Amino acid sequence: MFKIHIMQLFSFLKISTQTSSFNSYRTTTPHIMSTTTQVQLSDGAKLHVWLLGSKNKTKPLVIVLHGAPGLSSHTSTESAYKFLAEKFRVLVYDARGSGVSDVKGPFTDERWIADVDELRAWVGAETFILAGYSYGGFLALSYSLAFPNHLAGLILQNTWACGPLGTHRVLASLLTSNRIKPDPARQARLWSGNVRDKEDAEKGLAEIIAIYTPEKDEQSSEPPSFDSFESTGGESHLHWEVHNAAFSFSQPRFDVRNRLGEIKTPTLVVVGSHDVVCPLEEAKDISRGISNSELVVFDHSGHNPAADEPEKFQKVVYGFLEKLGY
C-alpha cells in the first residue's frame, strides 16, 4: 500500500536539490553546521531543538514554527528554511506536545508563544526573525502582538488570523470538494478538536490528504495509509490529544483580525493560490491589516509553497530579508 508520512500531509516536502543563485545567497547548503540539543524550559518541559548554521554565533537568528500541534514536527520547517543557514542561524524545533519533545501541558497558544520567547532567550538573541507555517503562523501572529520589541521581521506562510472563521471555512471546503469524499462527522471532530483516538485522527487525515497539494500533483489512486509517521521510518509521534487541545480550546479563542494594525514589524505574507486550508482570501486579510507587509501569491502552490515552488519561495524569502538589511 502507498505509504505517506504524517509530516507529508502538512508539508508535502519536495525540496529541490539543484543549485541556483539569488544575489549573494545559495539555495543549497551542503556543509551547514547543525547542532541538535534538548532545551529544558522554566516549567520543566524539554524541547528538542535543531540549530542550523550554529557554528557562527554572530549570525542573525531565524526561528521557524511548524504547524499542526501534536500531528507535525520540525521536519517540514527544517526542509523549507535550511537554505538560510549559510547567512543565518536557523532554529527549528518540535513544539511542546509534538514530535519527540515532551508531551507536557498546558497545550495552549499562550504557552506555545511563551516557549518561543524562552528559546529566544536561550539562544541569547535580543531580536530575531520569526517565521510561522500554518498553525505556526497563528502563533507567530500572537507572538508579534505579545513581544513586538523582540522581532526584526515576520514571515507568515499559509495561515489565517481568525480561528473560528478559518476552521468553519476549511470544513465547508472539504465537505463540498469534488476531489475528496471525507466522512462529515469525522471531519467535524477533527477540525473542532474532538478526535476520539489515534485511529480516528489517522483516518480523518488520510481522507483529506489530496487537497493539500495542487490537483495536478496527485500521483496515486491508492488510498494513503499512516503506517509510517516520520521521514526516518521511526515510531509514530502522533499526539492526538494535543491536537484536540489546540482546536477545541485555542482556536475558538484565536481572532486577531482587529489587532493586525498593531503589528509594526516588517512582514512577509506567503500563500499558495490553490491552498484550500488557508486560502488566498485569508492571506489578503492579513496583508491588508498589517500596514508594513508584503503579500506574495504562489500561482502553482497549495498549502506549502516551500515544497511546491521551492526556488521561487527561496528567492522571495531572500528578497524580503535583504530589504531588512540582511
C-alpha atoms as a PDB file:
ATOM      1  CA  MET A   1       0.000   0.000   0.000  1.00  0.00           C
ATOM      2  CA  PHE A   2       1.165   3.528  -0.751  1.00  0.00           C
ATOM      3  CA  LYS A   3       2.702   4.904   2.439  1.00  0.00           C
ATOM      4  CA  ILE A   4       2.508   8.551   3.398  1.00  0.00           C
ATOM      5  CA  HIS A   5       4.299  10.177   6.319  1.00  0.00           C
ATOM      6  CA  ILE A   6       2.272  12.289   8.703  1.00  0.00           C
ATOM      7  CA  MET A   7       4.589  15.193   8.011  1.00  0.00           C
ATOM      8  CA  GLN A   8       3.868  14.931   4.318  1.00  0.00           C
ATOM      9  CA  LEU A   9       0.228  15.747   4.975  1.00  0.00           C
ATOM     10  CA  PHE A  10       1.036  19.214   6.185  1.00  0.00           C
ATOM     11  CA  SER A  11       4.099  19.946   4.135  1.00  0.00           C
ATOM     12  CA  PHE A  12       4.448  17.636   1.105  1.00  0.00           C
ATOM     13  CA  LEU A  13       8.139  18.171   1.052  1.00  0.00           C
ATOM     14  CA  LYS A  14       9.617  18.130  -2.424  1.00  0.00           C
ATOM     15  CA  ILE A  15      12.522  20.471  -1.850  1.00  0.00           C
ATOM     16  CA  SER A  16      14.700  20.752  -4.954  1.00  0.00           C
ATOM     17  CA  THR A  17      18.346  19.763  -4.707  1.00  0.00           C
ATOM     18  CA  GLN A  18      19.509  21.693  -7.744  1.00  0.00           C
ATOM     19  CA  THR A  19      21.755  24.703  -7.247  1.00  0.00           C
ATOM     20  CA  SER A  20      20.782  28.235  -8.236  1.00  0.00           C
ATOM     21  CA  SER A  21      21.798  31.697  -7.037  1.00  0.00           C
ATOM     22  CA  PHE A  22      19.889  34.672  -5.777  1.00  0.00           C
ATOM     23  CA  ASN A  23      22.196  37.631  -5.243  1.00  0.00           C
ATOM     24  CA  SER A  24      24.772  36.635  -2.614  1.00  0.00           C
ATOM     25  CA  TYR A  25      22.891  33.547  -1.395  1.00  0.00           C
ATOM     26  CA  ARG A  26      22.879  29.898  -2.429  1.00  0.00           C
ATOM     27  CA  THR A  27      19.843  27.624  -2.464  1.00  0.00           C
ATOM     28  CA  THR A  28      21.762  24.527  -1.409  1.00  0.00           C
ATOM     29  CA  THR A  29      23.562  24.148   1.913  1.00  0.00           C
ATOM     30  CA  PRO A  30      25.739  21.014   1.710  1.00  0.00           C
ATOM     31  CA  HIS A  31      28.114  21.844   4.560  1.00  0.00           C
ATOM     32  CA  ILE A  32      25.866  23.608   7.065  1.00  0.00           C
ATOM     33  CA  MET A  33      26.770  23.150  10.704  1.00  0.00           C
ATOM     34  CA  SER A  34      23.878  21.695  12.690  1.00  0.00           C
ATOM     35  CA  THR A  35      23.524  21.302  16.438  1.00  0.00           C
ATOM     36  CA  THR A  36      20.809  19.149  17.978  1.00  0.00           C
ATOM     37  CA  THR A  37      20.046  19.585  21.633  1.00  0.00           C
ATOM     38  CA  GLN A  38      17.380  19.303  24.295  1.00  0.00           C
ATOM     39  CA  VAL A  39      16.324  22.534  25.993  1.00  0.00           C
ATOM     40  CA  GLN A  40      14.594  22.451  29.371  1.00  0.00           C
ATOM     41  CA  LEU A  41      12.123  25.286  29.831  1.00  0.00           C
ATOM     42  CA  SER A  42      11.162  27.097  33.023  1.00  0.00           C
ATOM     43  CA  ASP A  43       8.304  24.686  33.766  1.00  0.00           C
ATOM     44  CA  GLY A  44      10.489  21.611  33.262  1.00  0.00           C
ATOM     45  CA  ALA A  45       9.285  20.700  29.767  1.00  0.00           C
ATOM     46  CA  LYS A  46      12.074  19.561  27.439  1.00  0.00           C
ATOM     47  CA  LEU A  47      12.018  20.545  23.780  1.00  0.00           C
ATOM     48  CA  HIS A  48      14.135  19.012  21.030  1.00  0.00           C
ATOM     49  CA  VAL A  49      15.850  21.830  19.151  1.00  0.00           C
ATOM     50  CA  TRP A  50      17.904  21.889  15.942  1.00  0.00           C
ATOM     51  CA  LEU A  51      20.119  24.942  15.385  1.00  0.00           C
ATOM     52  CA  LEU A  52      21.363  25.163  11.798  1.00  0.00           C
ATOM     53  CA  GLY A  53      24.348  27.303  10.939  1.00  0.00           C
ATOM     54  CA  SER A  54      25.135  27.419  14.642  1.00  0.00           C
ATOM     55  CA  LYS A  55      28.935  27.486  14.393  1.00  0.00           C
ATOM     56  CA  ASN A  56      28.993  31.262  13.886  1.00  0.00           C
ATOM     57  CA  LYS A  57      27.179  32.854  16.817  1.00  0.00           C
ATOM     58  CA  THR A  58      27.289  36.302  15.225  1.00  0.00           C
ATOM     59  CA  LYS A  59      24.749  35.289  12.597  1.00  0.00           C
ATOM     60  CA  PRO A  60      21.248  36.781  12.956  1.00  0.00           C
ATOM     61  CA  LEU A  61      18.635  34.370  14.289  1.00  0.00           C
ATOM     62  CA  VAL A  62      15.597  32.955  12.492  1.00  0.00           C
ATOM     63  CA  ILE A  63      13.121  30.849  14.493  1.00  0.00           C
ATOM     64  CA  VAL A  64      10.649  28.785  12.464  1.00  0.00           C
ATOM     65  CA  LEU A  65       7.395  27.386  13.875  1.00  0.00           C
ATOM     66  CA  HIS A  66       5.832  24.259  12.381  1.00  0.00           C
ATOM     67  CA  GLY A  67       2.115  23.679  12.023  1.00  0.00           C
ATOM     68  CA  ALA A  68      -0.344  21.075  13.298  1.00  0.00           C
ATOM     69  CA  PRO A  69       0.368  20.759  17.043  1.00  0.00           C
ATOM     70  CA  GLY A  70       0.532  17.106  18.017  1.00  0.00           C
ATOM     71  CA  LEU A  71       0.493  15.936  14.404  1.00  0.00           C
ATOM     72  CA  SER A  72       3.576  17.589  12.959  1.00  0.00           C
ATOM     73  CA  SER A  73       7.221  18.245  13.853  1.00  0.00           C
ATOM     74  CA  HIS A  74      10.263  20.291  12.865  1.00  0.00           C
ATOM     75  CA  THR A  75      10.870  18.188   9.735  1.00  0.00           C
ATOM     76  CA  SER A  76       8.882  20.364   7.338  1.00  0.00           C
ATOM     77  CA  THR A  77      10.257  23.657   8.622  1.00  0.00           C
ATOM     78  CA  GLU A  78      13.841  22.390   8.580  1.00  0.00           C
ATOM     79  CA  SER A  79      13.483  21.301   4.953  1.00  0.00           C
ATOM     80  CA  ALA A  80      11.838  24.583   3.979  1.00  0.00           C
ATOM     81  CA  TYR A  81      14.219  27.009   5.709  1.00  0.00           C
ATOM     82  CA  LYS A  82      17.597  25.294   5.932  1.00  0.00           C
ATOM     83  CA  PHE A  83      18.712  27.182   2.818  1.00  0.00           C
ATOM     84  CA  LEU A  84      19.070  30.264   5.056  1.00  0.00           C
ATOM     85  CA  ALA A  85      21.669  28.653   7.288  1.00  0.00           C
ATOM     86  CA  GLU A  86      24.712  29.975   5.452  1.00  0.00           C
ATOM     87  CA  LYS A  87      23.887  33.527   6.485  1.00  0.00           C
ATOM     88  CA  PHE A  88      21.585  32.978   9.478  1.00  0.00           C
ATOM     89  CA  ARG A  89      21.268  30.762  12.489  1.00  0.00           C
ATOM     90  CA  VAL A  90      18.040  28.877  11.845  1.00  0.00           C
ATOM     91  CA  LEU A  91      16.320  27.383  14.882  1.00  0.00           C
ATOM     92  CA  VAL A  92      13.696  24.714  14.263  1.00  0.00           C
ATOM     93  CA  TYR A  93      12.196  22.521  16.946  1.00  0.00           C
ATOM     94  CA  ASP A  94       9.450  20.121  17.887  1.00  0.00           C
ATOM     95  CA  ALA A  95       6.938  22.220  19.769  1.00  0.00           C
ATOM     96  CA  ARG A  96       5.655  21.192  23.172  1.00  0.00           C
ATOM     97  CA  GLY A  97       3.488  18.115  22.602  1.00  0.00           C
ATOM     98  CA  SER A  98       4.805  17.490  19.079  1.00  0.00           C
ATOM     99  CA  GLY A  99       7.405  15.185  17.572  1.00  0.00           C
ATOM    100  CA  VAL A 100       9.881  13.979  20.190  1.00  0.00           C
ATOM    101  CA  SER A 101       9.509  16.928  22.567  1.00  0.00           C
ATOM    102  CA  ASP A 102       7.838  16.410  25.933  1.00  0.00           C
ATOM    103  CA  VAL A 103       4.087  15.912  25.885  1.00  0.00           C
ATOM    104  CA  LYS A 104       3.642  18.212  28.874  1.00  0.00           C
ATOM    105  CA  GLY A 105       0.791  20.698  29.095  1.00  0.00           C
ATOM    106  CA  PRO A 106      -0.687  23.168  29.046  1.00  0.00           C
ATOM    107  CA  PHE A 107      -1.252  22.921  25.299  1.00  0.00           C
ATOM    108  CA  THR A 108      -2.382  26.485  24.694  1.00  0.00           C
ATOM    109  CA  ASP A 109      -1.320  29.236  22.325  1.00  0.00           C
ATOM    110  CA  GLU A 110      -0.186  31.288  25.312  1.00  0.00           C
ATOM    111  CA  ARG A 111       2.154  28.543  26.471  1.00  0.00           C
ATOM    112  CA  TRP A 112       3.456  27.871  22.969  1.00  0.00           C
ATOM    113  CA  ILE A 113       4.378  31.529  22.376  1.00  0.00           C
ATOM    114  CA  ALA A 114       5.977  31.706  25.827  1.00  0.00           C
ATOM    115  CA  ASP A 115       8.094  28.731  24.749  1.00  0.00           C
ATOM    116  CA  VAL A 116       9.206  30.687  21.675  1.00  0.00           C
ATOM    117  CA  ASP A 117      10.423  33.537  23.846  1.00  0.00           C
ATOM    118  CA  GLU A 118      12.248  31.170  26.177  1.00  0.00           C
ATOM    119  CA  LEU A 119      14.062  29.704  23.171  1.00  0.00           C
ATOM    120  CA  ARG A 120      14.974  33.210  22.008  1.00  0.00           C
ATOM    121  CA  ALA A 121      16.490  33.901  25.420  1.00  0.00           C
ATOM    122  CA  TRP A 122      18.243  30.517  25.432  1.00  0.00           C
ATOM    123  CA  VAL A 123      19.980  31.368  22.146  1.00  0.00           C
ATOM    124  CA  GLY A 124      20.888  34.778  23.545  1.00  0.00           C
ATOM    125  CA  ALA A 125      19.272  36.911  20.848  1.00  0.00           C
ATOM    126  CA  GLU A 126      17.584  40.175  21.753  1.00  0.00           C
ATOM    127  CA  THR A 127      15.852  40.384  18.370  1.00  0.00           C
ATOM    128  CA  PHE A 128      15.191  37.799  15.672  1.00  0.00           C
ATOM    129  CA  ILE A 129      13.133  36.950  12.604  1.00  0.00           C
ATOM    130  CA  LEU A 130      10.103  34.744  13.247  1.00  0.00           C
ATOM    131  CA  ALA A 131       8.579  32.521  10.568  1.00  0.00           C
ATOM    132  CA  GLY A 132       5.378  30.571  11.108  1.00  0.00           C
ATOM    133  CA  TYR A 133       3.778  27.987   8.841  1.00  0.00           C
ATOM    134  CA  SER A 134       0.048  27.160   9.049  1.00  0.00           C
ATOM    135  CA  TYR A 135      -0.733  26.818  12.800  1.00  0.00           C
ATOM    136  CA  GLY A 136       2.765  28.153  13.379  1.00  0.00           C
ATOM    137  CA  GLY A 137       1.539  31.312  11.662  1.00  0.00           C
ATOM    138  CA  PHE A 138      -1.226  31.658  14.247  1.00  0.00           C
ATOM    139  CA  LEU A 139       1.423  31.511  16.949  1.00  0.00           C
ATOM    140  CA  ALA A 140       3.704  33.914  15.072  1.00  0.00           C
ATOM    141  CA  LEU A 141       0.899  36.474  14.888  1.00  0.00           C
ATOM    142  CA  SER A 142       0.206  36.089  18.602  1.00  0.00           C
ATOM    143  CA  TYR A 143       3.908  36.367  19.428  1.00  0.00           C
ATOM    144  CA  SER A 144       4.247  39.545  17.370  1.00  0.00           C
ATOM    145  CA  LEU A 145       1.493  41.131  19.458  1.00  0.00           C
ATOM    146  CA  ALA A 146       2.847  39.902  22.802  1.00  0.00           C
ATOM    147  CA  PHE A 147       6.579  40.542  22.219  1.00  0.00           C
ATOM    148  CA  PRO A 148       6.843  43.170  19.460  1.00  0.00           C
ATOM    149  CA  ASN A 149      10.184  44.551  20.656  1.00  0.00           C
ATOM    150  CA  HIS A 150      11.926  41.231  20.048  1.00  0.00           C
ATOM    151  CA  LEU A 151      11.026  40.962  16.358  1.00  0.00           C
ATOM    152  CA  ALA A 152      13.092  42.260  13.459  1.00  0.00           C
ATOM    153  CA  GLY A 153      10.951  40.550  10.830  1.00  0.00           C
ATOM    154  CA  LEU A 154       7.900  38.316  10.483  1.00  0.00           C
ATOM    155  CA  ILE A 155       7.180  35.659   7.842  1.00  0.00           C
ATOM    156  CA  LEU A 156       3.637  34.272   7.708  1.00  0.00           C
ATOM    157  CA  GLN A 157       3.274  31.235   5.469  1.00  0.00           C
ATOM    158  CA  ASN A 158      -0.188  29.889   4.582  1.00  0.00           C
ATOM    159  CA  THR A 159      -2.023  30.920   7.710  1.00  0.00           C
ATOM    160  CA  TRP A 160      -5.076  32.817   8.955  1.00  0.00           C
ATOM    161  CA  ALA A 161      -5.905  35.424  11.604  1.00  0.00           C
ATOM    162  CA  CYS A 162      -9.238  34.088  12.846  1.00  0.00           C
ATOM    163  CA  GLY A 163      -9.580  30.566  14.234  1.00  0.00           C
ATOM    164  CA  PRO A 164     -13.375  30.115  14.213  1.00  0.00           C
ATOM    165  CA  LEU A 165     -13.787  31.566  10.727  1.00  0.00           C
ATOM    166  CA  GLY A 166     -10.818  29.597   9.428  1.00  0.00           C
ATOM    167  CA  THR A 167     -11.924  26.216  10.745  1.00  0.00           C
ATOM    168  CA  HIS A 168     -15.516  26.714   9.593  1.00  0.00           C
ATOM    169  CA  ARG A 169     -14.344  27.774   6.148  1.00  0.00           C
ATOM    170  CA  VAL A 170     -11.951  24.867   5.666  1.00  0.00           C
ATOM    171  CA  LEU A 171     -14.538  22.356   6.881  1.00  0.00           C
ATOM    172  CA  ALA A 172     -17.054  23.688   4.372  1.00  0.00           C
ATOM    173  CA  SER A 173     -14.458  23.499   1.590  1.00  0.00           C
ATOM    174  CA  LEU A 174     -13.546  19.920   2.455  1.00  0.00           C
ATOM    175  CA  LEU A 175     -17.131  18.716   2.563  1.00  0.00           C
ATOM    176  CA  THR A 176     -18.019  20.310  -0.781  1.00  0.00           C
ATOM    177  CA  SER A 177     -14.819  19.386  -2.617  1.00  0.00           C
ATOM    178  CA  ASN A 178     -15.086  17.319  -5.795  1.00  0.00           C
ATOM    179  CA  ARG A 179     -11.608  15.864  -5.190  1.00  0.00           C
ATOM    180  CA  ILE A 180     -12.292  14.040  -1.927  1.00  0.00           C
ATOM    181  CA  LYS A 181     -15.226  12.362  -0.191  1.00  0.00           C
ATOM    182  CA  PRO A 182     -14.486  12.621   3.536  1.00  0.00           C
ATOM    183  CA  ASP A 183     -16.727  11.483   6.344  1.00  0.00           C
ATOM    184  CA  PRO A 184     -18.560  14.646   7.535  1.00  0.00           C
ATOM    185  CA  ALA A 185     -18.795  13.590  11.179  1.00  0.00           C
ATOM    186  CA  ARG A 186     -15.132  12.596  11.341  1.00  0.00           C
ATOM    187  CA  GLN A 187     -14.039  15.897   9.770  1.00  0.00           C
ATOM    188  CA  ALA A 188     -16.218  17.833  12.197  1.00  0.00           C
ATOM    189  CA  ARG A 189     -14.435  16.045  15.048  1.00  0.00           C
ATOM    190  CA  LEU A 190     -11.022  16.694  13.510  1.00  0.00           C
ATOM    191  CA  TRP A 191     -11.478  20.440  12.999  1.00  0.00           C
ATOM    192  CA  SER A 192     -13.252  21.050  16.308  1.00  0.00           C
ATOM    193  CA  GLY A 193     -10.684  19.170  18.386  1.00  0.00           C
ATOM    194  CA  ASN A 194     -12.893  16.233  19.309  1.00  0.00           C
ATOM    195  CA  VAL A 195     -10.908  13.372  17.775  1.00  0.00           C
ATOM    196  CA  ARG A 196     -11.756  10.128  19.589  1.00  0.00           C
ATOM    197  CA  ASP A 197      -8.397   8.368  19.421  1.00  0.00           C
ATOM    198  CA  LYS A 198      -5.292   7.877  17.290  1.00  0.00           C
ATOM    199  CA  GLU A 199      -7.127   5.789  14.693  1.00  0.00           C
ATOM    200  CA  ASP A 200      -9.818   8.444  14.343  1.00  0.00           C
ATOM    201  CA  ALA A 201      -7.135  11.078  13.756  1.00  0.00           C
ATOM    202  CA  GLU A 202      -5.306   8.931  11.194  1.00  0.00           C
ATOM    203  CA  LYS A 203      -8.467   8.224   9.222  1.00  0.00           C
ATOM    204  CA  GLY A 204      -9.512  11.859   9.330  1.00  0.00           C
ATOM    205  CA  LEU A 205      -6.171  12.996   7.967  1.00  0.00           C
ATOM    206  CA  ALA A 206      -5.908  10.243   5.364  1.00  0.00           C
ATOM    207  CA  GLU A 207      -9.214  11.083   3.731  1.00  0.00           C
ATOM    208  CA  ILE A 208      -8.328  14.751   3.128  1.00  0.00           C
ATOM    209  CA  ILE A 209      -4.659  14.404   2.205  1.00  0.00           C
ATOM    210  CA  ALA A 210      -5.243  15.030  -1.501  1.00  0.00           C
ATOM    211  CA  ILE A 211      -6.362  18.641  -1.073  1.00  0.00           C
ATOM    212  CA  TYR A 212      -3.061  19.794   0.448  1.00  0.00           C
ATOM    213  CA  THR A 213      -1.356  19.921  -2.953  1.00  0.00           C
ATOM    214  CA  PRO A 214      -2.473  21.404  -6.270  1.00  0.00           C
ATOM    215  CA  GLU A 215      -4.696  18.988  -8.164  1.00  0.00           C
ATOM    216  CA  LYS A 216      -2.122  18.458 -10.924  1.00  0.00           C
ATOM    217  CA  ASP A 217       0.321  16.964  -8.392  1.00  0.00           C
ATOM    218  CA  GLU A 218      -1.836  13.999  -7.422  1.00  0.00           C
ATOM    219  CA  GLN A 219       0.081  10.884  -8.455  1.00  0.00           C
ATOM    220  CA  SER A 220      -1.516   7.854  -6.850  1.00  0.00           C
ATOM    221  CA  SER A 221      -5.031   6.469  -6.884  1.00  0.00           C
ATOM    222  CA  GLU A 222      -4.284   4.164  -3.977  1.00  0.00           C
ATOM    223  CA  PRO A 223      -5.697   5.207  -0.602  1.00  0.00           C
ATOM    224  CA  PRO A 224      -2.975   6.627   1.664  1.00  0.00           C
ATOM    225  CA  SER A 225      -2.102   4.914   4.912  1.00  0.00           C
ATOM    226  CA  PHE A 226      -0.341   6.048   8.050  1.00  0.00           C
ATOM    227  CA  ASP A 227       1.904   3.050   8.598  1.00  0.00           C
ATOM    228  CA  SER A 228       4.900   5.378   8.999  1.00  0.00           C
ATOM    229  CA  PHE A 229       4.914   8.838  10.513  1.00  0.00           C
ATOM    230  CA  GLU A 230       8.449  10.152  10.323  1.00  0.00           C
ATOM    231  CA  SER A 231      10.729  10.523   7.321  1.00  0.00           C
ATOM    232  CA  THR A 232      13.175   8.220   9.094  1.00  0.00           C
ATOM    233  CA  GLY A 233      10.595   5.459   9.289  1.00  0.00           C
ATOM    234  CA  GLY A 234      10.591   5.623  13.070  1.00  0.00           C
ATOM    235  CA  GLU A 235       7.777   5.186  15.534  1.00  0.00           C
ATOM    236  CA  SER A 236       4.639   7.274  15.425  1.00  0.00           C
ATOM    237  CA  HIS A 237       4.682  10.666  17.114  1.00  0.00           C
ATOM    238  CA  LEU A 238       1.032  11.465  16.531  1.00  0.00           C
ATOM    239  CA  HIS A 239      -0.260  13.060  19.742  1.00  0.00           C
ATOM    240  CA  TRP A 240      -3.958  13.404  19.008  1.00  0.00           C
ATOM    241  CA  GLU A 241      -4.755  14.755  22.483  1.00  0.00           C
ATOM    242  CA  VAL A 242      -2.513  17.753  21.785  1.00  0.00           C
ATOM    243  CA  HIS A 243      -4.317  18.389  18.501  1.00  0.00           C
ATOM    244  CA  ASN A 244      -7.622  18.251  20.368  1.00  0.00           C
ATOM    245  CA  ALA A 245      -6.437  20.818  22.898  1.00  0.00           C
ATOM    246  CA  ALA A 246      -5.329  23.199  20.158  1.00  0.00           C
ATOM    247  CA  PHE A 247      -8.535  23.024  18.150  1.00  0.00           C
ATOM    248  CA  SER A 248     -11.058  22.782  20.987  1.00  0.00           C
ATOM    249  CA  PHE A 249      -9.571  25.457  23.284  1.00  0.00           C
ATOM    250  CA  SER A 250      -7.172  27.802  21.493  1.00  0.00           C
ATOM    251  CA  GLN A 251      -8.652  28.030  18.003  1.00  0.00           C
ATOM    252  CA  PRO A 252     -12.163  29.100  19.112  1.00  0.00           C
ATOM    253  CA  ARG A 253     -10.488  31.956  21.025  1.00  0.00           C
ATOM    254  CA  PHE A 254      -7.992  32.958  18.345  1.00  0.00           C
ATOM    255  CA  ASP A 255      -9.086  36.080  16.476  1.00  0.00           C
ATOM    256  CA  VAL A 256      -6.526  38.841  15.968  1.00  0.00           C
ATOM    257  CA  ARG A 257      -8.138  40.495  12.940  1.00  0.00           C
ATOM    258  CA  ASN A 258      -8.905  43.662  14.883  1.00  0.00           C
ATOM    259  CA  ARG A 259      -5.328  43.826  16.202  1.00  0.00           C
ATOM    260  CA  LEU A 260      -3.425  43.400  12.953  1.00  0.00           C
ATOM    261  CA  GLY A 261      -2.962  47.159  12.769  1.00  0.00           C
ATOM    262  CA  GLU A 262      -0.872  46.982  15.948  1.00  0.00           C
ATOM    263  CA  ILE A 263       1.786  44.917  14.175  1.00  0.00           C
ATOM    264  CA  LYS A 264       4.542  47.259  13.008  1.00  0.00           C
ATOM    265  CA  THR A 265       7.130  44.547  12.324  1.00  0.00           C
ATOM    266  CA  PRO A 266       8.071  44.244   8.628  1.00  0.00           C
ATOM    267  CA  THR A 267       6.036  41.262   7.455  1.00  0.00           C
ATOM    268  CA  LEU A 268       6.098  38.880   4.507  1.00  0.00           C
ATOM    269  CA  VAL A 269       2.803  37.072   3.831  1.00  0.00           C
ATOM    270  CA  VAL A 270       3.108  33.977   1.627  1.00  0.00           C
ATOM    271  CA  VAL A 271       0.227  31.904   0.240  1.00  0.00           C
ATOM    272  CA  GLY A 272      -0.439  29.318  -2.450  1.00  0.00           C
ATOM    273  CA  SER A 273      -3.277  30.215  -4.794  1.00  0.00           C
ATOM    274  CA  HIS A 274      -4.561  26.620  -4.615  1.00  0.00           C
ATOM    275  CA  ASP A 275      -4.498  26.400  -0.816  1.00  0.00           C
ATOM    276  CA  VAL A 276      -7.821  25.045   0.424  1.00  0.00           C
ATOM    277  CA  VAL A 277      -6.831  25.028   4.107  1.00  0.00           C
ATOM    278  CA  CYS A 278      -5.582  28.620   4.456  1.00  0.00           C
ATOM    279  CA  PRO A 279      -6.892  30.175   1.238  1.00  0.00           C
ATOM    280  CA  LEU A 280      -5.795  33.320  -0.554  1.00  0.00           C
ATOM    281  CA  GLU A 281      -8.532  35.468   0.969  1.00  0.00           C
ATOM    282  CA  GLU A 282      -7.174  34.778   4.459  1.00  0.00           C
ATOM    283  CA  ALA A 283      -3.719  35.969   3.387  1.00  0.00           C
ATOM    284  CA  LYS A 284      -5.187  39.073   1.777  1.00  0.00           C
ATOM    285  CA  ASP A 285      -7.000  39.913   5.019  1.00  0.00           C
ATOM    286  CA  ILE A 286      -3.745  39.644   6.964  1.00  0.00           C
ATOM    287  CA  SER A 287      -1.806  41.728   4.465  1.00  0.00           C
ATOM    288  CA  ARG A 288      -4.477  44.435   4.417  1.00  0.00           C
ATOM    289  CA  GLY A 289      -4.428  44.563   8.210  1.00  0.00           C
ATOM    290  CA  ILE A 290      -0.645  44.854   8.629  1.00  0.00           C
ATOM    291  CA  SER A 291       0.452  48.145   7.089  1.00  0.00           C
ATOM    292  CA  ASN A 292       4.122  47.214   6.761  1.00  0.00           C
ATOM    293  CA  SER A 293       3.518  43.956   4.909  1.00  0.00           C
ATOM    294  CA  GLU A 294       4.131  42.391   1.525  1.00  0.00           C
ATOM    295  CA  LEU A 295       1.866  39.697   0.060  1.00  0.00           C
ATOM    296  CA  VAL A 296       3.320  37.171  -2.381  1.00  0.00           C
ATOM    297  CA  VAL A 297       0.994  34.672  -4.088  1.00  0.00           C
ATOM    298  CA  PHE A 298       2.385  31.419  -5.497  1.00  0.00           C
ATOM    299  CA  ASP A 299       0.282  30.522  -8.511  1.00  0.00           C
ATOM    300  CA  HIS A 300       1.299  26.862  -8.676  1.00  0.00           C
ATOM    301  CA  SER A 301       1.184  26.023  -4.964  1.00  0.00           C
ATOM    302  CA  GLY A 302      -1.205  24.560  -2.456  1.00  0.00           C
ATOM    303  CA  HIS A 303      -0.708  24.629   1.308  1.00  0.00           C
ATOM    304  CA  ASN A 304       3.103  24.638   1.095  1.00  0.00           C
ATOM    305  CA  PRO A 305       4.811  26.875  -1.494  1.00  0.00           C
ATOM    306  CA  ALA A 306       8.196  25.952   0.003  1.00  0.00           C
ATOM    307  CA  ALA A 307       7.647  22.453  -1.385  1.00  0.00           C
ATOM    308  CA  ASP A 308       5.551  23.210  -4.464  1.00  0.00           C
ATOM    309  CA  GLU A 309       7.704  26.081  -5.792  1.00  0.00           C
ATOM    310  CA  PRO A 310      10.957  25.891  -3.812  1.00  0.00           C
ATOM    311  CA  GLU A 311      13.132  28.143  -5.967  1.00  0.00           C
ATOM    312  CA  LYS A 312      10.587  30.952  -6.031  1.00  0.00           C
ATOM    313  CA  PHE A 313       9.974  30.535  -2.303  1.00  0.00           C
ATOM    314  CA  GLN A 314      13.665  30.862  -1.516  1.00  0.00           C
ATOM    315  CA  LYS A 315      14.043  33.867  -3.797  1.00  0.00           C
ATOM    316  CA  VAL A 316      11.060  35.617  -2.189  1.00  0.00           C
ATOM    317  CA  VAL A 317      12.289  34.981   1.346  1.00  0.00           C
ATOM    318  CA  TYR A 318      15.808  36.129   0.464  1.00  0.00           C
ATOM    319  CA  GLY A 319      14.447  39.278  -1.145  1.00  0.00           C
ATOM    320  CA  PHE A 320      12.421  40.089   1.953  1.00  0.00           C
ATOM    321  CA  LEU A 321      15.404  39.593   4.263  1.00  0.00           C
ATOM    322  CA  GLU A 322      17.604  41.733   2.031  1.00  0.00           C
ATOM    323  CA  LYS A 323      15.084  44.561   2.350  1.00  0.00           C
ATOM    324  CA  LEU A 324      15.541  44.278   6.117  1.00  0.00           C
ATOM    325  CA  GLY A 325      19.251  44.835   5.663  1.00  0.00           C
ATOM    326  CA  TYR A 326      20.499  41.253   5.979  1.00  0.00           C
END
